[in-house]
Amino acid sequence: MPTVFFSYCHADEALRDQLEKQLSMLKRQGVIETWHDRRINAGQEIDAVIDEHIDTDEIILLLVSPDFIASDYCYNVEMARAMERHEAKQAVVIPVILRACDWHHAPFGKLLGTPSDGKPVTLWPDRDEAFLQVAKEVRKAAEKWRTDKPAAAPRGARPEYAIPVAPVLDAVAGPRSSNLRLAKSFTQLDKDEFQFETFEYIARFFENSLAELQARNDGYQGVYRRIDGNRFSSTIYKDGRDVAKASVYVGGQLGAGIYYSQGDSFGAGSFQEALHVESDDQALYWRTLGMASYHRQRDQKLSQEGAAEALWDIMIAPLQRGR
């Protein structure tokens, strides 16, 4: 079966873990194996082991982010070698766009990225859905590999920038499980920081969305007002008449969470939607109460982008329906 190699920057390790979890069904079915540098055993030479895999593994995932592009090793060594093997039809390279960055001008920019349309994983409302799209592309690549069986890379054909190292003895590595992921735990401090970081993200999201809505639609004006560190309001005017108002606030008397209220009132138990922090064994995420947002979002694990989009949809939906 083909082995999937993760080329990534350690700043994106949490996202890599989420992706590997989404590939679990492929591994259970014996469709693929996976490998990344956290599988290196004590006593092994790091560069030698990585070079061995980048030279022989059949599917190479480039986990693209600003940190990936900024990393000399990821970009100049792993990515360069991966593209050499891809062009020689010795491996399949799949760019996985994790975070927004200027990747289209990179050597792999000519390849079709995933998730669809190259939209970064962190900008998807539901990251599970984004990583599912990646898993489907990996399955397609594995099925194609079984049909085509690309030629093995010639031994000794190393790029000029590679550092000569001693060969790794198979006996050193030995057999072991690839199922080594452990559950992560999140403190109340982690959750509180995530809550306030998301609130600031939503505030910027609304401010920018109002400005863009005004720029694109004649007769409309968007006004954003920051009340204090925990509250902001947004108003949309059409020909000088207010047609949509929203207030968003974090915490307060209603407890932990981010609350959306139609109109310009804050607190006092009046809100039309609420977001609450939850976590699984790998990440923090948001869920809506499903009071005013689409009901399907109530069951989704929302990212910061997803949380912001869920609240913005409530404000903009009546105008899109022409009411």
C-alpha atoms as a PDB file:
ATOM      1  CA  MET A   1       0.000   0.000   0.000  1.00  0.00           C
ATOM      2  CA  PRO A   2       1.209   3.581  -0.565  1.00  0.00           C
ATOM      3  CA  THR A   3       2.653   5.607   2.298  1.00  0.00           C
ATOM      4  CA  VAL A   4       1.492   9.186   2.845  1.00  0.00           C
ATOM      5  CA  PHE A   5       4.266  11.579   3.856  1.00  0.00           C
ATOM      6  CA  PHE A   6       3.339  14.753   5.762  1.00  0.00           C
ATOM      7  CA  SER A   7       5.584  17.691   4.884  1.00  0.00           C
ATOM      8  CA  TYR A   8       4.677  20.382   7.421  1.00  0.00           C
ATOM      9  CA  CYS A   9       5.995  23.006   9.811  1.00  0.00           C
ATOM     10  CA  HIS A  10       5.749  22.164  13.506  1.00  0.00           C
ATOM     11  CA  ALA A  11       3.694  25.324  14.051  1.00  0.00           C
ATOM     12  CA  ASP A  12       0.903  23.419  12.255  1.00  0.00           C
ATOM     13  CA  GLU A  13       1.207  20.205  14.245  1.00  0.00           C
ATOM     14  CA  ALA A  14      -2.287  20.449  15.737  1.00  0.00           C
ATOM     15  CA  LEU A  15      -3.804  20.761  12.267  1.00  0.00           C
ATOM     16  CA  ARG A  16      -1.701  17.834  11.056  1.00  0.00           C
ATOM     17  CA  ASP A  17      -3.083  15.736  13.915  1.00  0.00           C
ATOM     18  CA  GLN A  18      -6.660  16.600  12.905  1.00  0.00           C
ATOM     19  CA  LEU A  19      -5.948  15.656   9.310  1.00  0.00           C
ATOM     20  CA  GLU A  20      -4.365  12.348  10.278  1.00  0.00           C
ATOM     21  CA  LYS A  21      -7.434  11.518  12.341  1.00  0.00           C
ATOM     22  CA  GLN A  22      -9.616  12.131   9.255  1.00  0.00           C
ATOM     23  CA  LEU A  23      -7.432   9.628   7.362  1.00  0.00           C
ATOM     24  CA  SER A  24      -8.119   6.896   9.933  1.00  0.00           C
ATOM     25  CA  MET A  25     -10.678   5.057   7.786  1.00  0.00           C
ATOM     26  CA  LEU A  26      -8.178   4.812   4.927  1.00  0.00           C
ATOM     27  CA  LYS A  27      -5.628   3.359   7.330  1.00  0.00           C
ATOM     28  CA  ARG A  28      -8.133   0.895   8.817  1.00  0.00           C
ATOM     29  CA  GLN A  29      -9.040  -0.310   5.323  1.00  0.00           C
ATOM     30  CA  GLY A  30      -5.404  -0.823   4.437  1.00  0.00           C
ATOM     31  CA  VAL A  31      -5.601   1.792   1.684  1.00  0.00           C
ATOM     32  CA  ILE A  32      -2.655   3.846   2.996  1.00  0.00           C
ATOM     33  CA  GLU A  33      -0.027   4.116   5.691  1.00  0.00           C
ATOM     34  CA  THR A  34       1.057   7.485   7.069  1.00  0.00           C
ATOM     35  CA  TRP A  35       4.390   8.887   8.177  1.00  0.00           C
ATOM     36  CA  HIS A  36       5.705  12.149   9.593  1.00  0.00           C
ATOM     37  CA  ASP A  37       8.770  13.167  11.563  1.00  0.00           C
ATOM     38  CA  ARG A  38       7.160  12.499  14.953  1.00  0.00           C
ATOM     39  CA  ARG A  39       7.551   8.793  14.134  1.00  0.00           C
ATOM     40  CA  ILE A  40      11.352   9.017  14.308  1.00  0.00           C
ATOM     41  CA  ASN A  41      12.735   6.820  17.064  1.00  0.00           C
ATOM     42  CA  ALA A  42      15.420   7.738  19.566  1.00  0.00           C
ATOM     43  CA  GLY A  43      18.847   6.978  18.164  1.00  0.00           C
ATOM     44  CA  GLN A  44      17.891   7.540  14.539  1.00  0.00           C
ATOM     45  CA  GLU A  45      19.456  10.336  12.503  1.00  0.00           C
ATOM     46  CA  ILE A  46      16.648  12.793  11.861  1.00  0.00           C
ATOM     47  CA  ASP A  47      17.720  14.088   8.441  1.00  0.00           C
ATOM     48  CA  ALA A  48      18.525  10.596   7.184  1.00  0.00           C
ATOM     49  CA  VAL A  49      15.118   9.189   8.110  1.00  0.00           C
ATOM     50  CA  ILE A  50      13.227  12.141   6.627  1.00  0.00           C
ATOM     51  CA  ASP A  51      15.278  11.932   3.426  1.00  0.00           C
ATOM     52  CA  GLU A  52      14.539   8.228   3.165  1.00  0.00           C
ATOM     53  CA  HIS A  53      10.796   8.849   3.297  1.00  0.00           C
ATOM     54  CA  ILE A  54      10.745  11.914   1.052  1.00  0.00           C
ATOM     55  CA  ASP A  55      12.636   9.809  -1.510  1.00  0.00           C
ATOM     56  CA  THR A  56      10.429   6.725  -1.351  1.00  0.00           C
ATOM     57  CA  ASP A  57       6.914   7.490  -0.041  1.00  0.00           C
ATOM     58  CA  GLU A  58       4.289   7.472  -2.761  1.00  0.00           C
ATOM     59  CA  ILE A  59       1.937  10.292  -1.701  1.00  0.00           C
ATOM     60  CA  ILE A  60       3.330  13.551  -0.326  1.00  0.00           C
ATOM     61  CA  LEU A  61       1.056  16.048   1.390  1.00  0.00           C
ATOM     62  CA  LEU A  62       2.404  19.592   1.533  1.00  0.00           C
ATOM     63  CA  LEU A  63       0.637  21.168   4.505  1.00  0.00           C
ATOM     64  CA  VAL A  64       0.828  24.741   3.293  1.00  0.00           C
ATOM     65  CA  SER A  65       0.804  27.751   5.608  1.00  0.00           C
ATOM     66  CA  PRO A  66       2.829  30.940   6.112  1.00  0.00           C
ATOM     67  CA  ASP A  67       5.107  28.978   8.446  1.00  0.00           C
ATOM     68  CA  PHE A  68       5.583  26.234   5.839  1.00  0.00           C
ATOM     69  CA  ILE A  69       6.602  28.764   3.196  1.00  0.00           C
ATOM     70  CA  ALA A  70       8.881  30.590   5.658  1.00  0.00           C
ATOM     71  CA  SER A  71      10.652  27.376   6.687  1.00  0.00           C
ATOM     72  CA  ASP A  72      13.873  26.907   4.702  1.00  0.00           C
ATOM     73  CA  TYR A  73      13.818  23.167   5.339  1.00  0.00           C
ATOM     74  CA  CYS A  74      10.178  22.632   4.381  1.00  0.00           C
ATOM     75  CA  TYR A  75      10.404  24.822   1.290  1.00  0.00           C
ATOM     76  CA  ASN A  76      13.949  24.320  -0.014  1.00  0.00           C
ATOM     77  CA  VAL A  77      14.433  20.667   0.900  1.00  0.00           C
ATOM     78  CA  GLU A  78      11.179  18.735   1.382  1.00  0.00           C
ATOM     79  CA  MET A  79       9.036  20.662  -1.091  1.00  0.00           C
ATOM     80  CA  ALA A  80      11.771  20.863  -3.725  1.00  0.00           C
ATOM     81  CA  ARG A  81      12.452  17.130  -3.567  1.00  0.00           C
ATOM     82  CA  ALA A  82       8.715  16.351  -3.548  1.00  0.00           C
ATOM     83  CA  MET A  83       8.212  18.370  -6.739  1.00  0.00           C
ATOM     84  CA  GLU A  84      11.151  16.611  -8.409  1.00  0.00           C
ATOM     85  CA  ARG A  85       9.558  13.239  -7.707  1.00  0.00           C
ATOM     86  CA  HIS A  86       6.106  14.481  -8.755  1.00  0.00           C
ATOM     87  CA  GLU A  87       7.411  15.714 -12.105  1.00  0.00           C
ATOM     88  CA  ALA A  88       9.252  12.404 -12.590  1.00  0.00           C
ATOM     89  CA  LYS A  89       5.944  10.592 -11.856  1.00  0.00           C
ATOM     90  CA  GLN A  90       7.546   8.804  -8.928  1.00  0.00           C
ATOM     91  CA  ALA A  91       5.124  10.257  -6.376  1.00  0.00           C
ATOM     92  CA  VAL A  92       1.921  12.287  -6.160  1.00  0.00           C
ATOM     93  CA  VAL A  93       2.164  15.690  -4.461  1.00  0.00           C
ATOM     94  CA  ILE A  94      -1.029  17.159  -3.007  1.00  0.00           C
ATOM     95  CA  PRO A  95      -0.958  20.727  -1.609  1.00  0.00           C
ATOM     96  CA  VAL A  96      -3.207  20.933   1.452  1.00  0.00           C
ATOM     97  CA  ILE A  97      -3.860  24.600   2.195  1.00  0.00           C
ATOM     98  CA  LEU A  98      -4.047  24.893   5.969  1.00  0.00           C
ATOM     99  CA  ARG A  99      -3.845  28.653   6.447  1.00  0.00           C
ATOM    100  CA  ALA A 100      -4.117  31.660   4.172  1.00  0.00           C
ATOM    101  CA  CYS A 101      -0.844  32.497   2.416  1.00  0.00           C
ATOM    102  CA  ASP A 102       0.583  33.457  -0.980  1.00  0.00           C
ATOM    103  CA  TRP A 103       1.036  29.899  -2.259  1.00  0.00           C
ATOM    104  CA  HIS A 104      -0.066  30.229  -5.904  1.00  0.00           C
ATOM    105  CA  HIS A 105       3.363  31.544  -6.927  1.00  0.00           C
ATOM    106  CA  ALA A 106       5.243  28.621  -5.361  1.00  0.00           C
ATOM    107  CA  PRO A 107       6.457  25.731  -7.551  1.00  0.00           C
ATOM    108  CA  PHE A 108       3.475  23.666  -6.332  1.00  0.00           C
ATOM    109  CA  GLY A 109       1.090  26.539  -7.153  1.00  0.00           C
ATOM    110  CA  LYS A 110       0.384  24.938 -10.532  1.00  0.00           C
ATOM    111  CA  LEU A 111      -1.116  21.912  -8.771  1.00  0.00           C
ATOM    112  CA  LEU A 112      -4.755  21.714  -7.738  1.00  0.00           C
ATOM    113  CA  GLY A 113      -4.896  22.379  -4.022  1.00  0.00           C
ATOM    114  CA  THR A 114      -7.318  20.950  -1.516  1.00  0.00           C
ATOM    115  CA  PRO A 115      -9.801  21.619   0.108  1.00  0.00           C
ATOM    116  CA  SER A 116     -11.874  22.748  -2.860  1.00  0.00           C
ATOM    117  CA  ASP A 117     -10.896  26.013  -4.530  1.00  0.00           C
ATOM    118  CA  GLY A 118      -7.789  26.127  -2.349  1.00  0.00           C
ATOM    119  CA  LYS A 119      -9.809  27.646   0.510  1.00  0.00           C
ATOM    120  CA  PRO A 120      -7.634  27.331   3.641  1.00  0.00           C
ATOM    121  CA  VAL A 121      -8.791  24.757   6.184  1.00  0.00           C
ATOM    122  CA  THR A 122      -8.864  27.357   8.969  1.00  0.00           C
ATOM    123  CA  LEU A 123     -11.364  29.458   7.008  1.00  0.00           C
ATOM    124  CA  TRP A 124     -13.928  26.647   6.738  1.00  0.00           C
ATOM    125  CA  PRO A 125     -16.886  26.865   9.114  1.00  0.00           C
ATOM    126  CA  ASP A 126     -16.480  23.137   9.830  1.00  0.00           C
ATOM    127  CA  ARG A 127     -12.875  21.887   9.752  1.00  0.00           C
ATOM    128  CA  ASP A 128     -14.009  18.267   9.750  1.00  0.00           C
ATOM    129  CA  GLU A 129     -15.699  18.927   6.409  1.00  0.00           C
ATOM    130  CA  ALA A 130     -12.537  20.551   5.051  1.00  0.00           C
ATOM    131  CA  PHE A 131     -10.324  17.651   6.121  1.00  0.00           C
ATOM    132  CA  LEU A 132     -12.863  15.184   4.740  1.00  0.00           C
ATOM    133  CA  GLN A 133     -12.301  16.729   1.313  1.00  0.00           C
ATOM    134  CA  VAL A 134      -8.567  16.218   1.787  1.00  0.00           C
ATOM    135  CA  ALA A 135      -9.148  12.573   2.752  1.00  0.00           C
ATOM    136  CA  LYS A 136     -11.182  12.014  -0.404  1.00  0.00           C
ATOM    137  CA  GLU A 137      -8.321  13.359  -2.530  1.00  0.00           C
ATOM    138  CA  VAL A 138      -5.869  11.090  -0.731  1.00  0.00           C
ATOM    139  CA  ARG A 139      -8.138   8.110  -1.423  1.00  0.00           C
ATOM    140  CA  LYS A 140      -8.226   9.026  -5.129  1.00  0.00           C
ATOM    141  CA  ALA A 141      -4.433   9.300  -5.208  1.00  0.00           C
ATOM    142  CA  ALA A 142      -4.049   5.919  -3.492  1.00  0.00           C
ATOM    143  CA  GLU A 143      -6.441   4.246  -5.937  1.00  0.00           C
ATOM    144  CA  LYS A 144      -4.557   5.777  -8.873  1.00  0.00           C
ATOM    145  CA  TRP A 145      -1.268   4.576  -7.406  1.00  0.00           C
ATOM    146  CA  ARG A 146      -2.556   1.006  -7.245  1.00  0.00           C
ATOM    147  CA  THR A 147      -3.455   1.249 -10.928  1.00  0.00           C
ATOM    148  CA  ASP A 148      -0.370   3.038 -12.200  1.00  0.00           C
ATOM    149  CA  LYS A 149       2.335   1.815  -9.760  1.00  0.00           C
ATOM    150  CA  PRO A 150       4.818   4.657 -10.310  1.00  0.00           C
ATOM    151  CA  ALA A 151       8.423   3.731 -10.828  1.00  0.00           C
ATOM    152  CA  ALA A 152      10.624   3.683  -7.758  1.00  0.00           C
ATOM    153  CA  ALA A 153      13.087   6.532  -7.348  1.00  0.00           C
ATOM    154  CA  PRO A 154      16.591   5.612  -8.501  1.00  0.00           C
ATOM    155  CA  ARG A 155      18.840   4.905  -5.566  1.00  0.00           C
ATOM    156  CA  GLY A 156      21.593   7.455  -5.157  1.00  0.00           C
ATOM    157  CA  ALA A 157      19.687  10.112  -7.111  1.00  0.00           C
ATOM    158  CA  ARG A 158      19.819  12.788  -4.451  1.00  0.00           C
ATOM    159  CA  PRO A 159      19.330  16.539  -4.911  1.00  0.00           C
ATOM    160  CA  GLU A 160      22.446  18.684  -4.662  1.00  0.00           C
ATOM    161  CA  TYR A 161      21.218  20.407  -1.527  1.00  0.00           C
ATOM    162  CA  ALA A 162      20.834  17.159   0.439  1.00  0.00           C
ATOM    163  CA  ILE A 163      23.333  16.590   3.243  1.00  0.00           C
ATOM    164  CA  PRO A 164      25.192  13.260   2.968  1.00  0.00           C
ATOM    165  CA  VAL A 165      24.345  11.052   5.935  1.00  0.00           C
ATOM    166  CA  ALA A 166      24.979   7.513   6.983  1.00  0.00           C
ATOM    167  CA  PRO A 167      22.395   4.923   5.880  1.00  0.00           C
ATOM    168  CA  VAL A 168      19.720   3.952   8.375  1.00  0.00           C
ATOM    169  CA  LEU A 169      19.651   0.320   9.374  1.00  0.00           C
ATOM    170  CA  ASP A 170      16.216  -1.280   9.261  1.00  0.00           C
ATOM    171  CA  ALA A 171      16.954  -3.024  12.520  1.00  0.00           C
ATOM    172  CA  VAL A 172      17.135   0.323  14.324  1.00  0.00           C
ATOM    173  CA  ALA A 173      13.582   1.326  13.484  1.00  0.00           C
ATOM    174  CA  GLY A 174      11.849  -1.973  14.201  1.00  0.00           C
ATOM    175  CA  PRO A 175       8.121  -2.621  13.892  1.00  0.00           C
ATOM    176  CA  ARG A 176       5.730  -0.479  15.875  1.00  0.00           C
ATOM    177  CA  SER A 177       2.226   0.936  15.773  1.00  0.00           C
ATOM    178  CA  SER A 178       1.419   4.209  14.035  1.00  0.00           C
ATOM    179  CA  ASN A 179      -1.486   4.683  16.458  1.00  0.00           C
ATOM    180  CA  LEU A 180       0.357   6.905  18.949  1.00  0.00           C
ATOM    181  CA  ARG A 181      -1.881   9.938  19.186  1.00  0.00           C
ATOM    182  CA  LEU A 182      -2.905  10.849  22.716  1.00  0.00           C
ATOM    183  CA  ALA A 183      -5.879  12.911  23.807  1.00  0.00           C
ATOM    184  CA  LYS A 184      -5.219  16.571  24.545  1.00  0.00           C
ATOM    185  CA  SER A 185      -6.748  18.375  27.486  1.00  0.00           C
ATOM    186  CA  PHE A 186      -7.731  22.035  27.633  1.00  0.00           C
ATOM    187  CA  THR A 187      -7.719  24.188  30.755  1.00  0.00           C
ATOM    188  CA  GLN A 188     -10.230  26.877  31.590  1.00  0.00           C
ATOM    189  CA  LEU A 189      -7.538  29.397  30.695  1.00  0.00           C
ATOM    190  CA  ASP A 190      -7.273  27.836  27.217  1.00  0.00           C
ATOM    191  CA  LYS A 191     -11.032  28.096  26.770  1.00  0.00           C
ATOM    192  CA  ASP A 192     -11.206  31.672  28.044  1.00  0.00           C
ATOM    193  CA  GLU A 193      -8.391  32.783  25.733  1.00  0.00           C
ATOM    194  CA  PHE A 194     -10.065  31.017  22.808  1.00  0.00           C
ATOM    195  CA  GLN A 195     -13.334  32.774  23.635  1.00  0.00           C
ATOM    196  CA  PHE A 196     -11.867  36.279  23.691  1.00  0.00           C
ATOM    197  CA  GLU A 197      -9.627  35.665  20.649  1.00  0.00           C
ATOM    198  CA  THR A 198     -12.728  34.550  18.749  1.00  0.00           C
ATOM    199  CA  PHE A 199     -14.701  37.588  19.890  1.00  0.00           C
ATOM    200  CA  GLU A 200     -11.945  39.866  18.543  1.00  0.00           C
ATOM    201  CA  TYR A 201     -11.932  37.883  15.303  1.00  0.00           C
ATOM    202  CA  ILE A 202     -15.727  38.253  14.964  1.00  0.00           C
ATOM    203  CA  ALA A 203     -15.448  41.997  15.617  1.00  0.00           C
ATOM    204  CA  ARG A 204     -12.902  42.391  12.787  1.00  0.00           C
ATOM    205  CA  PHE A 205     -14.996  40.096  10.578  1.00  0.00           C
ATOM    206  CA  PHE A 206     -18.108  42.267  11.010  1.00  0.00           C
ATOM    207  CA  GLU A 207     -16.193  45.524  10.552  1.00  0.00           C
ATOM    208  CA  ASN A 208     -14.585  44.320   7.317  1.00  0.00           C
ATOM    209  CA  SER A 209     -17.800  42.735   6.036  1.00  0.00           C
ATOM    210  CA  LEU A 210     -19.747  45.956   6.561  1.00  0.00           C
ATOM    211  CA  ALA A 211     -17.107  47.934   4.661  1.00  0.00           C
ATOM    212  CA  GLU A 212     -17.092  45.445   1.777  1.00  0.00           C
ATOM    213  CA  LEU A 213     -20.906  45.307   1.638  1.00  0.00           C
ATOM    214  CA  GLN A 214     -20.981  49.104   1.335  1.00  0.00           C
ATOM    215  CA  ALA A 215     -18.320  49.051  -1.399  1.00  0.00           C
ATOM    216  CA  ARG A 216     -20.198  46.485  -3.471  1.00  0.00           C
ATOM    217  CA  ASN A 217     -23.780  47.724  -3.146  1.00  0.00           C
ATOM    218  CA  ASP A 218     -24.926  51.191  -4.170  1.00  0.00           C
ATOM    219  CA  GLY A 219     -27.182  52.910  -1.667  1.00  0.00           C
ATOM    220  CA  TYR A 220     -26.007  50.789   1.268  1.00  0.00           C
ATOM    221  CA  GLN A 221     -23.837  51.934   4.159  1.00  0.00           C
ATOM    222  CA  GLY A 222     -22.387  49.789   6.922  1.00  0.00           C
ATOM    223  CA  VAL A 223     -21.552  51.282  10.309  1.00  0.00           C
ATOM    224  CA  TYR A 224     -19.473  49.447  12.909  1.00  0.00           C
ATOM    225  CA  ARG A 225     -19.255  50.787  16.464  1.00  0.00           C
ATOM    226  CA  ARG A 226     -16.991  49.321  19.152  1.00  0.00           C
ATOM    227  CA  ILE A 227     -18.672  49.939  22.506  1.00  0.00           C
ATOM    228  CA  ASP A 228     -15.936  48.518  24.753  1.00  0.00           C
ATOM    229  CA  GLY A 229     -13.656  45.501  25.048  1.00  0.00           C
ATOM    230  CA  ASN A 230     -16.601  43.106  25.269  1.00  0.00           C
ATOM    231  CA  ARG A 231     -19.233  44.631  22.947  1.00  0.00           C
ATOM    232  CA  PHE A 232     -19.755  46.010  19.457  1.00  0.00           C
ATOM    233  CA  SER A 233     -22.718  46.941  17.282  1.00  0.00           C
ATOM    234  CA  SER A 234     -23.296  46.847  13.525  1.00  0.00           C
ATOM    235  CA  THR A 235     -25.881  48.681  11.466  1.00  0.00           C
ATOM    236  CA  ILE A 236     -26.721  48.468   7.764  1.00  0.00           C
ATOM    237  CA  TYR A 237     -28.436  51.468   6.160  1.00  0.00           C
ATOM    238  CA  LYS A 238     -30.154  51.597   2.780  1.00  0.00           C
ATOM    239  CA  ASP A 239     -30.655  55.093   1.390  1.00  0.00           C
ATOM    240  CA  GLY A 240     -30.145  56.439   4.914  1.00  0.00           C
ATOM    241  CA  ARG A 241     -32.714  54.149   6.545  1.00  0.00           C
ATOM    242  CA  ASP A 242     -31.513  51.463   8.951  1.00  0.00           C
ATOM    243  CA  VAL A 243     -32.540  48.038   7.615  1.00  0.00           C
ATOM    244  CA  ALA A 244     -30.496  45.716   9.861  1.00  0.00           C
ATOM    245  CA  LYS A 245     -29.010  46.061  13.333  1.00  0.00           C
ATOM    246  CA  ALA A 246     -26.980  43.654  15.416  1.00  0.00           C
ATOM    247  CA  SER A 247     -25.207  43.689  18.757  1.00  0.00           C
ATOM    248  CA  VAL A 248     -22.559  41.137  19.704  1.00  0.00           C
ATOM    249  CA  TYR A 249     -21.060  40.727  23.161  1.00  0.00           C
ATOM    250  CA  VAL A 250     -18.966  38.237  25.074  1.00  0.00           C
ATOM    251  CA  GLY A 251     -19.560  36.856  28.564  1.00  0.00           C
ATOM    252  CA  GLY A 252     -21.230  39.152  31.064  1.00  0.00           C
ATOM    253  CA  GLN A 253     -24.215  38.246  33.200  1.00  0.00           C
ATOM    254  CA  LEU A 254     -25.200  35.483  30.784  1.00  0.00           C
ATOM    255  CA  GLY A 255     -21.981  33.575  31.479  1.00  0.00           C
ATOM    256  CA  ALA A 256     -19.294  32.238  29.164  1.00  0.00           C
ATOM    257  CA  GLY A 257     -20.033  32.489  25.464  1.00  0.00           C
ATOM    258  CA  ILE A 258     -20.589  34.951  22.639  1.00  0.00           C
ATOM    259  CA  TYR A 259     -24.096  36.347  22.203  1.00  0.00           C
ATOM    260  CA  TYR A 260     -25.893  37.884  19.222  1.00  0.00           C
ATOM    261  CA  SER A 261     -28.802  40.256  19.689  1.00  0.00           C
ATOM    262  CA  GLN A 262     -30.894  41.908  16.985  1.00  0.00           C
ATOM    263  CA  GLY A 263     -31.116  45.642  17.426  1.00  0.00           C
ATOM    264  CA  ASP A 264     -28.799  47.713  19.570  1.00  0.00           C
ATOM    265  CA  SER A 265     -29.449  46.275  23.043  1.00  0.00           C
ATOM    266  CA  PHE A 266     -26.843  44.432  25.103  1.00  0.00           C
ATOM    267  CA  GLY A 267     -27.356  41.912  27.876  1.00  0.00           C
ATOM    268  CA  ALA A 268     -30.439  41.786  30.041  1.00  0.00           C
ATOM    269  CA  GLY A 269     -30.999  38.202  28.911  1.00  0.00           C
ATOM    270  CA  SER A 270     -32.079  39.266  25.435  1.00  0.00           C
ATOM    271  CA  PHE A 271     -30.336  37.458  22.572  1.00  0.00           C
ATOM    272  CA  GLN A 272     -31.282  35.556  19.416  1.00  0.00           C
ATOM    273  CA  GLU A 273     -28.222  33.316  19.136  1.00  0.00           C
ATOM    274  CA  ALA A 274     -25.341  32.152  21.304  1.00  0.00           C
ATOM    275  CA  LEU A 275     -22.016  30.432  20.746  1.00  0.00           C
ATOM    276  CA  HIS A 276     -20.371  28.224  23.353  1.00  0.00           C
ATOM    277  CA  VAL A 277     -16.874  26.752  23.527  1.00  0.00           C
ATOM    278  CA  GLU A 278     -16.552  22.982  23.406  1.00  0.00           C
ATOM    279  CA  SER A 279     -13.626  20.634  22.840  1.00  0.00           C
ATOM    280  CA  ASP A 280     -12.848  17.150  21.636  1.00  0.00           C
ATOM    281  CA  ASP A 281      -9.629  15.253  22.262  1.00  0.00           C
ATOM    282  CA  GLN A 282      -7.683  17.407  19.802  1.00  0.00           C
ATOM    283  CA  ALA A 283      -9.088  20.927  19.478  1.00  0.00           C
ATOM    284  CA  LEU A 284     -11.329  23.682  20.805  1.00  0.00           C
ATOM    285  CA  TYR A 285     -14.307  24.687  18.680  1.00  0.00           C
ATOM    286  CA  TRP A 286     -17.666  26.484  18.797  1.00  0.00           C
ATOM    287  CA  ARG A 287     -21.272  25.326  18.689  1.00  0.00           C
ATOM    288  CA  THR A 288     -24.365  27.449  18.210  1.00  0.00           C
ATOM    289  CA  LEU A 289     -27.555  26.998  20.179  1.00  0.00           C
ATOM    290  CA  GLY A 290     -29.339  26.914  16.816  1.00  0.00           C
ATOM    291  CA  MET A 291     -31.869  29.525  17.831  1.00  0.00           C
ATOM    292  CA  ALA A 292     -31.533  31.814  14.802  1.00  0.00           C
ATOM    293  CA  SER A 293     -28.765  30.284  12.689  1.00  0.00           C
ATOM    294  CA  TYR A 294     -29.263  27.390  10.305  1.00  0.00           C
ATOM    295  CA  HIS A 295     -30.211  24.286  12.264  1.00  0.00           C
ATOM    296  CA  ARG A 296     -27.502  22.198  10.628  1.00  0.00           C
ATOM    297  CA  GLN A 297     -24.884  24.499  12.171  1.00  0.00           C
ATOM    298  CA  ARG A 298     -26.014  23.431  15.610  1.00  0.00           C
ATOM    299  CA  ASP A 299     -24.357  20.056  15.065  1.00  0.00           C
ATOM    300  CA  GLN A 300     -21.190  21.442  13.485  1.00  0.00           C
ATOM    301  CA  LYS A 301     -17.847  22.051  15.125  1.00  0.00           C
ATOM    302  CA  LEU A 302     -17.273  25.657  14.115  1.00  0.00           C
ATOM    303  CA  SER A 303     -13.917  27.356  13.708  1.00  0.00           C
ATOM    304  CA  GLN A 304     -13.484  31.074  14.412  1.00  0.00           C
ATOM    305  CA  GLU A 305     -14.383  31.732  10.778  1.00  0.00           C
ATOM    306  CA  GLY A 306     -17.414  29.484  11.065  1.00  0.00           C
ATOM    307  CA  ALA A 307     -18.584  31.189  14.241  1.00  0.00           C
ATOM    308  CA  ALA A 308     -18.264  34.636  12.665  1.00  0.00           C
ATOM    309  CA  GLU A 309     -20.042  33.522   9.490  1.00  0.00           C
ATOM    310  CA  ALA A 310     -22.898  31.999  11.504  1.00  0.00           C
ATOM    311  CA  LEU A 311     -23.601  35.334  13.224  1.00  0.00           C
ATOM    312  CA  TRP A 312     -23.142  37.417  10.080  1.00  0.00           C
ATOM    313  CA  ASP A 313     -25.607  35.161   8.233  1.00  0.00           C
ATOM    314  CA  ILE A 314     -28.296  36.036  10.778  1.00  0.00           C
ATOM    315  CA  MET A 315     -27.816  39.747  10.125  1.00  0.00           C
ATOM    316  CA  ILE A 316     -27.604  39.594   6.328  1.00  0.00           C
ATOM    317  CA  ALA A 317     -30.207  36.883   5.617  1.00  0.00           C
ATOM    318  CA  PRO A 318     -33.316  39.144   5.789  1.00  0.00           C
ATOM    319  CA  LEU A 319     -31.743  41.574   3.303  1.00  0.00           C
ATOM    320  CA  GLN A 320     -30.872  38.731   0.937  1.00  0.00           C
ATOM    321  CA  ARG A 321     -34.476  37.547   1.070  1.00  0.00           C
ATOM    322  CA  GLY A 322     -35.595  41.047   0.145  1.00  0.00           C
ATOM    323  CA  ARG A 323     -37.470  41.662   3.364  1.00  0.00           C
END
